[in-house]
Amino acid sequence: MFKEKIPDLCSHLEDAGFDPSLLAFQWLVCFLSYNLPEAVSYRVWDLFFLKGPKIIFRISLALLHMMKKDLMRSKDFGDIFETLESYPRKVTDQDANTLI
């Protein structure tokens, strides 16, 4: 789905040696709880129970869209990993409205 929805970002990550499945595993298995601030994570869980698992995919894609500019500037695996680890933790309640 990632390759279909954001092909240029997917290609950039692959060219830098980053396997997008690494991201998918952590985000999807933990339902984004590990990566997002607690208040935002609660909103994700609420939506998960209301709308089902598809909401996790939608929020993951929305996060990638929000990070796209920073990720496209990343030159290597380390830069990409750092952005993917740190950016979601900075999501505010106002950003959450965009995600959700």
Protein backbone atom coordinates (compact mmCIF):
# COMPACT_ATOMS: atom_id res chain seq x y z
CA MET A 1 0.00 0.00 0.00
CA PHE A 2 2.87 2.36 0.87
CA LYS A 3 4.47 1.86 -2.54
CA GLU A 4 1.12 2.58 -4.21
CA LYS A 5 0.20 5.68 -2.17
CA ILE A 6 3.61 7.40 -1.82
CA PRO A 7 5.80 5.85 -4.55
CA ASP A 8 8.48 8.55 -4.62
CA LEU A 9 9.08 8.31 -0.89
CA CYS A 10 9.09 4.51 -1.00
CA SER A 11 11.69 4.55 -3.80
CA HIS A 12 13.83 7.07 -1.92
CA LEU A 13 13.83 4.92 1.23
CA GLU A 14 14.68 1.80 -0.74
CA ASP A 15 17.49 3.62 -2.60
CA ALA A 16 18.94 4.66 0.77
CA GLY A 17 18.94 1.01 1.88
CA PHE A 18 15.94 1.29 4.21
CA ASP A 19 13.46 -1.57 4.04
CA PRO A 20 9.96 -0.10 4.56
CA SER A 21 8.81 -3.37 6.12
CA LEU A 22 10.92 -2.50 9.20
CA LEU A 23 8.72 0.52 9.74
CA ALA A 24 5.53 -1.39 9.10
CA PHE A 25 6.34 -4.05 11.64
CA GLN A 26 6.94 -1.67 14.54
CA TRP A 27 4.08 0.68 13.73
CA LEU A 28 1.48 -1.95 12.96
CA VAL A 29 2.30 -4.46 15.68
CA CYS A 30 2.30 -1.78 18.38
CA PHE A 31 -0.68 0.06 16.86
CA LEU A 32 1.51 3.17 16.86
CA SER A 33 1.43 3.24 20.70
CA TYR A 34 5.19 3.17 21.02
CA ASN A 35 5.78 5.97 18.56
CA LEU A 36 3.09 8.56 19.30
CA PRO A 37 2.61 10.72 22.40
CA GLU A 38 0.27 9.16 24.93
CA ALA A 39 -2.72 11.45 24.29
CA VAL A 40 -2.53 10.91 20.54
CA SER A 41 -2.08 7.19 21.04
CA TYR A 42 -5.32 7.07 23.04
CA ARG A 43 -7.14 8.68 20.14
CA VAL A 44 -5.69 6.10 17.75
CA TRP A 45 -6.86 3.27 20.02
CA ASP A 46 -10.34 4.80 20.24
CA LEU A 47 -10.53 4.93 16.48
CA PHE A 48 -9.17 1.41 16.20
CA PHE A 49 -12.05 0.12 18.32
CA LEU A 50 -14.60 2.24 16.44
CA LYS A 51 -13.44 1.72 12.86
CA GLY A 52 -11.26 -1.37 12.93
CA PRO A 53 -7.68 -2.11 11.83
CA LYS A 54 -7.86 -0.06 8.63
CA ILE A 55 -7.41 3.08 10.76
CA ILE A 56 -3.85 2.01 11.64
CA PHE A 57 -2.94 1.92 7.95
CA ARG A 58 -4.56 5.28 7.30
CA ILE A 59 -2.79 6.95 10.21
CA SER A 60 0.52 5.37 9.21
CA LEU A 61 0.18 6.78 5.69
CA ALA A 62 -0.82 10.18 7.07
CA LEU A 63 2.29 10.17 9.30
CA LEU A 64 4.48 9.34 6.32
CA HIS A 65 2.93 12.21 4.37
CA MET A 66 3.69 14.54 7.29
CA MET A 67 7.31 13.31 7.42
CA LYS A 68 7.81 13.15 3.67
CA LYS A 69 9.77 16.39 3.34
CA ASP A 70 12.21 15.38 6.09
CA LEU A 71 12.51 11.82 4.81
CA MET A 72 13.19 12.94 1.24
CA ARG A 73 16.11 15.04 2.55
CA SER A 74 17.56 12.03 4.37
CA LYS A 75 20.65 10.67 2.71
CA ASP A 76 21.18 7.34 4.42
CA PHE A 77 19.65 4.64 6.60
CA GLY A 78 20.69 6.40 9.82
CA ASP A 79 19.02 9.69 8.88
CA ILE A 80 15.86 7.89 7.81
CA PHE A 81 15.71 5.81 10.96
CA GLU A 82 16.25 8.87 13.17
CA THR A 83 13.41 10.74 11.45
CA LEU A 84 11.05 7.78 11.72
CA GLU A 85 11.87 7.33 15.40
CA SER A 86 11.75 10.97 16.51
CA TYR A 87 9.11 12.65 14.34
CA PRO A 88 6.03 10.75 15.55
CA ARG A 89 6.87 11.55 19.18
CA LYS A 90 6.54 15.25 18.35
CA VAL A 91 3.00 14.96 17.01
CA THR A 92 0.75 17.42 18.82
CA ASP A 93 -2.99 17.29 19.42
CA GLN A 94 -3.43 19.72 16.55
CA ASP A 95 -1.35 17.46 14.27
CA ALA A 96 -3.50 14.56 15.43
CA ASN A 97 -6.52 16.28 13.91
CA THR A 98 -4.72 16.10 10.55
CA LEU A 99 -3.81 12.45 11.08
CA ILE A 100 -7.27 11.44 12.16
